[in-house]
Amino acid sequence: MVAGEYIDSPYFKKFEQLRVPEKENYAVNCINTGNGVIMPAGFPAVKEMLTQHGFKTHEINMSEFSKIDGGLTCLSLRFNA
């Protein structure tokens, strides 16, 4: 997924881009677990886009964290199993 200034970035030209609508830019900060995508709740266009591309979504309420610009990737620990 790409949003904002990254949409036209040459670094992502070779990849299929899922372009996030400007009004839902916060939702670009998701985590693909391999079993689905953890995404912030309340972004129906992004959820629909992910679903249409075959991803199962798991919505998390991030409303309080978004007030301080905290995103899912910054608030997570990932481990290799």
N, C-alpha and C. Protein backbone atom coordinates (compact mmCIF):
# COMPACT_ATOMS: atom_id res chain seq x y z
N MET A 1 0.84 -1.16 0.00
CA MET A 1 0.00 0.00 0.00
C MET A 1 0.89 1.23 0.00
N VAL A 2 0.46 2.25 -0.71
CA VAL A 2 1.18 3.51 -0.75
C VAL A 2 0.20 4.66 -0.55
N ALA A 3 0.74 5.75 -0.03
CA ALA A 3 -0.05 6.95 0.18
C ALA A 3 0.85 8.17 0.09
N GLY A 4 0.22 9.31 -0.10
CA GLY A 4 0.95 10.58 -0.08
C GLY A 4 2.07 10.65 -1.09
N GLU A 5 3.23 11.14 -0.64
CA GLU A 5 4.37 11.37 -1.54
C GLU A 5 4.97 10.08 -2.07
N TYR A 6 4.61 8.94 -1.51
CA TYR A 6 5.16 7.66 -1.97
C TYR A 6 4.45 7.11 -3.20
N ILE A 7 3.31 7.67 -3.56
CA ILE A 7 2.55 7.19 -4.71
C ILE A 7 3.37 7.29 -6.00
N ASP A 8 4.06 8.37 -6.19
CA ASP A 8 4.84 8.56 -7.41
C ASP A 8 6.33 8.30 -7.22
N SER A 9 6.70 7.67 -6.13
CA SER A 9 8.10 7.40 -5.86
C SER A 9 8.67 6.38 -6.85
N PRO A 10 9.83 6.65 -7.40
CA PRO A 10 10.44 5.70 -8.33
C PRO A 10 10.82 4.38 -7.64
N TYR A 11 10.95 4.38 -6.33
CA TYR A 11 11.33 3.17 -5.60
C TYR A 11 10.24 2.11 -5.64
N PHE A 12 9.02 2.51 -5.88
CA PHE A 12 7.90 1.58 -5.85
C PHE A 12 7.28 1.33 -7.21
N LYS A 13 7.91 1.82 -8.27
CA LYS A 13 7.36 1.68 -9.63
C LYS A 13 7.22 0.22 -10.06
N LYS A 14 8.12 -0.65 -9.63
CA LYS A 14 8.12 -2.05 -10.06
C LYS A 14 7.08 -2.90 -9.33
N PHE A 15 6.45 -2.35 -8.31
CA PHE A 15 5.52 -3.10 -7.49
C PHE A 15 4.07 -2.74 -7.84
N GLU A 16 3.18 -3.71 -7.63
CA GLU A 16 1.76 -3.39 -7.73
C GLU A 16 1.43 -2.52 -6.52
N GLN A 17 0.85 -1.37 -6.79
CA GLN A 17 0.56 -0.42 -5.72
C GLN A 17 -0.92 -0.42 -5.38
N LEU A 18 -1.22 -0.54 -4.12
CA LEU A 18 -2.57 -0.33 -3.64
C LEU A 18 -2.58 1.10 -3.09
N ARG A 19 -3.18 1.99 -3.85
CA ARG A 19 -3.15 3.41 -3.52
C ARG A 19 -4.25 3.76 -2.52
N VAL A 20 -3.83 4.23 -1.38
CA VAL A 20 -4.75 4.57 -0.31
C VAL A 20 -5.31 5.97 -0.56
N PRO A 21 -6.64 6.13 -0.47
CA PRO A 21 -7.22 7.46 -0.65
C PRO A 21 -6.69 8.44 0.40
N GLU A 22 -6.51 9.68 0.01
CA GLU A 22 -5.91 10.68 0.88
C GLU A 22 -6.62 10.79 2.23
N LYS A 23 -7.94 10.71 2.22
CA LYS A 23 -8.68 10.86 3.48
C LYS A 23 -8.48 9.66 4.43
N GLU A 24 -7.87 8.58 3.94
CA GLU A 24 -7.61 7.40 4.76
C GLU A 24 -6.12 7.08 4.87
N ASN A 25 -5.27 8.11 4.72
CA ASN A 25 -3.82 7.91 4.76
C ASN A 25 -3.33 7.19 6.01
N TYR A 26 -3.96 7.43 7.15
CA TYR A 26 -3.51 6.79 8.40
C TYR A 26 -3.55 5.27 8.28
N ALA A 27 -4.47 4.75 7.49
CA ALA A 27 -4.65 3.31 7.37
C ALA A 27 -3.57 2.62 6.56
N VAL A 28 -2.65 3.37 5.95
CA VAL A 28 -1.56 2.74 5.21
C VAL A 28 -0.62 2.00 6.17
N ASN A 29 -0.65 2.35 7.43
CA ASN A 29 0.21 1.74 8.44
C ASN A 29 -0.45 0.46 8.94
N CYS A 30 -0.23 -0.62 8.23
CA CYS A 30 -0.81 -1.94 8.53
C CYS A 30 0.30 -2.95 8.72
N ILE A 31 -0.08 -4.12 9.23
CA ILE A 31 0.88 -5.20 9.40
C ILE A 31 0.33 -6.45 8.72
N ASN A 32 1.08 -6.97 7.76
CA ASN A 32 0.71 -8.23 7.12
C ASN A 32 1.34 -9.35 7.93
N THR A 33 0.51 -10.18 8.53
CA THR A 33 1.00 -11.26 9.40
C THR A 33 1.23 -12.55 8.64
N GLY A 34 0.81 -12.59 7.38
CA GLY A 34 0.85 -13.83 6.63
C GLY A 34 -0.47 -14.58 6.74
N ASN A 35 -1.22 -14.28 7.78
CA ASN A 35 -2.55 -14.86 7.98
C ASN A 35 -3.63 -13.79 7.86
N GLY A 36 -3.26 -12.64 7.45
CA GLY A 36 -4.18 -11.52 7.32
C GLY A 36 -3.46 -10.22 7.58
N VAL A 37 -4.18 -9.15 7.43
CA VAL A 37 -3.61 -7.82 7.62
C VAL A 37 -4.26 -7.17 8.83
N ILE A 38 -3.45 -6.77 9.80
CA ILE A 38 -3.94 -6.01 10.94
C ILE A 38 -3.96 -4.56 10.50
N MET A 39 -5.12 -3.93 10.63
CA MET A 39 -5.27 -2.55 10.16
C MET A 39 -6.05 -1.73 11.18
N PRO A 40 -5.87 -0.41 11.17
CA PRO A 40 -6.65 0.42 12.07
C PRO A 40 -8.13 0.39 11.67
N ALA A 41 -9.01 0.38 12.65
CA ALA A 41 -10.45 0.37 12.39
C ALA A 41 -10.93 1.73 11.89
N GLY A 42 -11.99 1.71 11.10
CA GLY A 42 -12.63 2.95 10.68
C GLY A 42 -12.22 3.46 9.32
N PHE A 43 -11.63 2.61 8.50
CA PHE A 43 -11.19 3.02 7.17
C PHE A 43 -11.78 2.07 6.13
N PRO A 44 -13.05 2.29 5.79
CA PRO A 44 -13.77 1.34 4.93
C PRO A 44 -13.19 1.19 3.53
N ALA A 45 -12.65 2.25 2.94
CA ALA A 45 -12.10 2.15 1.58
C ALA A 45 -10.86 1.27 1.57
N VAL A 46 -10.01 1.41 2.58
CA VAL A 46 -8.80 0.58 2.66
C VAL A 46 -9.18 -0.87 2.95
N LYS A 47 -10.13 -1.08 3.85
CA LYS A 47 -10.57 -2.45 4.15
C LYS A 47 -11.12 -3.11 2.90
N GLU A 48 -11.94 -2.40 2.13
CA GLU A 48 -12.50 -2.94 0.89
C GLU A 48 -11.40 -3.25 -0.13
N MET A 49 -10.44 -2.35 -0.25
CA MET A 49 -9.34 -2.57 -1.19
C MET A 49 -8.55 -3.82 -0.83
N LEU A 50 -8.24 -3.99 0.45
CA LEU A 50 -7.51 -5.17 0.89
C LEU A 50 -8.32 -6.44 0.66
N THR A 51 -9.59 -6.40 0.97
CA THR A 51 -10.47 -7.55 0.77
C THR A 51 -10.54 -7.93 -0.70
N GLN A 52 -10.67 -6.93 -1.57
CA GLN A 52 -10.72 -7.19 -3.02
C GLN A 52 -9.43 -7.80 -3.55
N HIS A 53 -8.34 -7.56 -2.87
CA HIS A 53 -7.05 -8.13 -3.28
C HIS A 53 -6.73 -9.43 -2.54
N GLY A 54 -7.73 -10.00 -1.88
CA GLY A 54 -7.58 -11.31 -1.28
C GLY A 54 -7.04 -11.36 0.13
N PHE A 55 -6.95 -10.22 0.79
CA PHE A 55 -6.43 -10.20 2.16
C PHE A 55 -7.58 -10.28 3.17
N LYS A 56 -7.38 -11.09 4.20
CA LYS A 56 -8.29 -11.10 5.33
C LYS A 56 -7.86 -9.95 6.24
N THR A 57 -8.80 -9.17 6.73
CA THR A 57 -8.44 -8.02 7.56
C THR A 57 -8.87 -8.23 9.01
N HIS A 58 -8.07 -7.69 9.91
CA HIS A 58 -8.35 -7.69 11.34
C HIS A 58 -8.23 -6.24 11.80
N GLU A 59 -9.36 -5.64 12.16
CA GLU A 59 -9.36 -4.22 12.53
C GLU A 59 -9.09 -4.04 14.02
N ILE A 60 -8.27 -3.05 14.33
CA ILE A 60 -7.91 -2.71 15.70
C ILE A 60 -8.26 -1.24 15.93
N ASN A 61 -8.86 -0.95 17.07
CA ASN A 61 -9.18 0.44 17.41
C ASN A 61 -7.88 1.17 17.76
N MET A 62 -7.53 2.12 16.93
CA MET A 62 -6.29 2.88 17.12
C MET A 62 -6.58 4.36 17.39
N SER A 63 -7.83 4.70 17.72
CA SER A 63 -8.23 6.11 17.83
C SER A 63 -7.39 6.91 18.82
N GLU A 64 -7.08 6.34 19.97
CA GLU A 64 -6.28 7.09 20.95
C GLU A 64 -4.83 7.22 20.50
N PHE A 65 -4.28 6.17 19.91
CA PHE A 65 -2.90 6.23 19.43
C PHE A 65 -2.75 7.18 18.25
N SER A 66 -3.78 7.26 17.40
CA SER A 66 -3.69 8.14 16.24
C SER A 66 -3.61 9.61 16.65
N LYS A 67 -4.12 9.94 17.83
CA LYS A 67 -4.06 11.32 18.32
C LYS A 67 -2.62 11.78 18.53
N ILE A 68 -1.73 10.84 18.81
CA ILE A 68 -0.31 11.18 19.00
C ILE A 68 0.54 10.66 17.84
N ASP A 69 -0.14 10.38 16.71
CA ASP A 69 0.50 9.90 15.48
C ASP A 69 1.18 8.55 15.67
N GLY A 70 0.64 7.73 16.56
CA GLY A 70 1.16 6.38 16.76
C GLY A 70 0.51 5.42 15.78
N GLY A 71 1.30 4.61 15.13
CA GLY A 71 0.79 3.65 14.16
C GLY A 71 1.04 2.22 14.59
N LEU A 72 0.38 1.30 13.92
CA LEU A 72 0.50 -0.13 14.26
C LEU A 72 1.94 -0.62 14.21
N THR A 73 2.68 -0.25 13.18
CA THR A 73 4.04 -0.77 13.07
C THR A 73 4.94 -0.25 14.18
N CYS A 74 4.71 0.96 14.62
CA CYS A 74 5.52 1.53 15.70
C CYS A 74 5.17 0.93 17.06
N LEU A 75 3.96 0.41 17.17
CA LEU A 75 3.48 -0.10 18.45
C LEU A 75 3.51 -1.63 18.53
N SER A 76 4.27 -2.25 17.65
CA SER A 76 4.26 -3.71 17.61
C SER A 76 5.67 -4.29 17.75
N LEU A 77 5.69 -5.50 18.26
CA LEU A 77 6.91 -6.31 18.30
C LEU A 77 6.66 -7.51 17.42
N ARG A 78 7.58 -7.83 16.55
CA ARG A 78 7.41 -8.97 15.67
C ARG A 78 8.50 -9.99 15.93
N PHE A 79 8.10 -11.26 15.91
CA PHE A 79 9.04 -12.34 16.16
C PHE A 79 8.98 -13.32 15.01
N ASN A 80 10.11 -13.93 14.68
CA ASN A 80 10.14 -15.02 13.71
C ASN A 80 9.88 -16.31 14.46
N ALA A 81 8.96 -17.09 13.94
CA ALA A 81 8.64 -18.37 14.61
C ALA A 81 9.48 -19.49 14.09
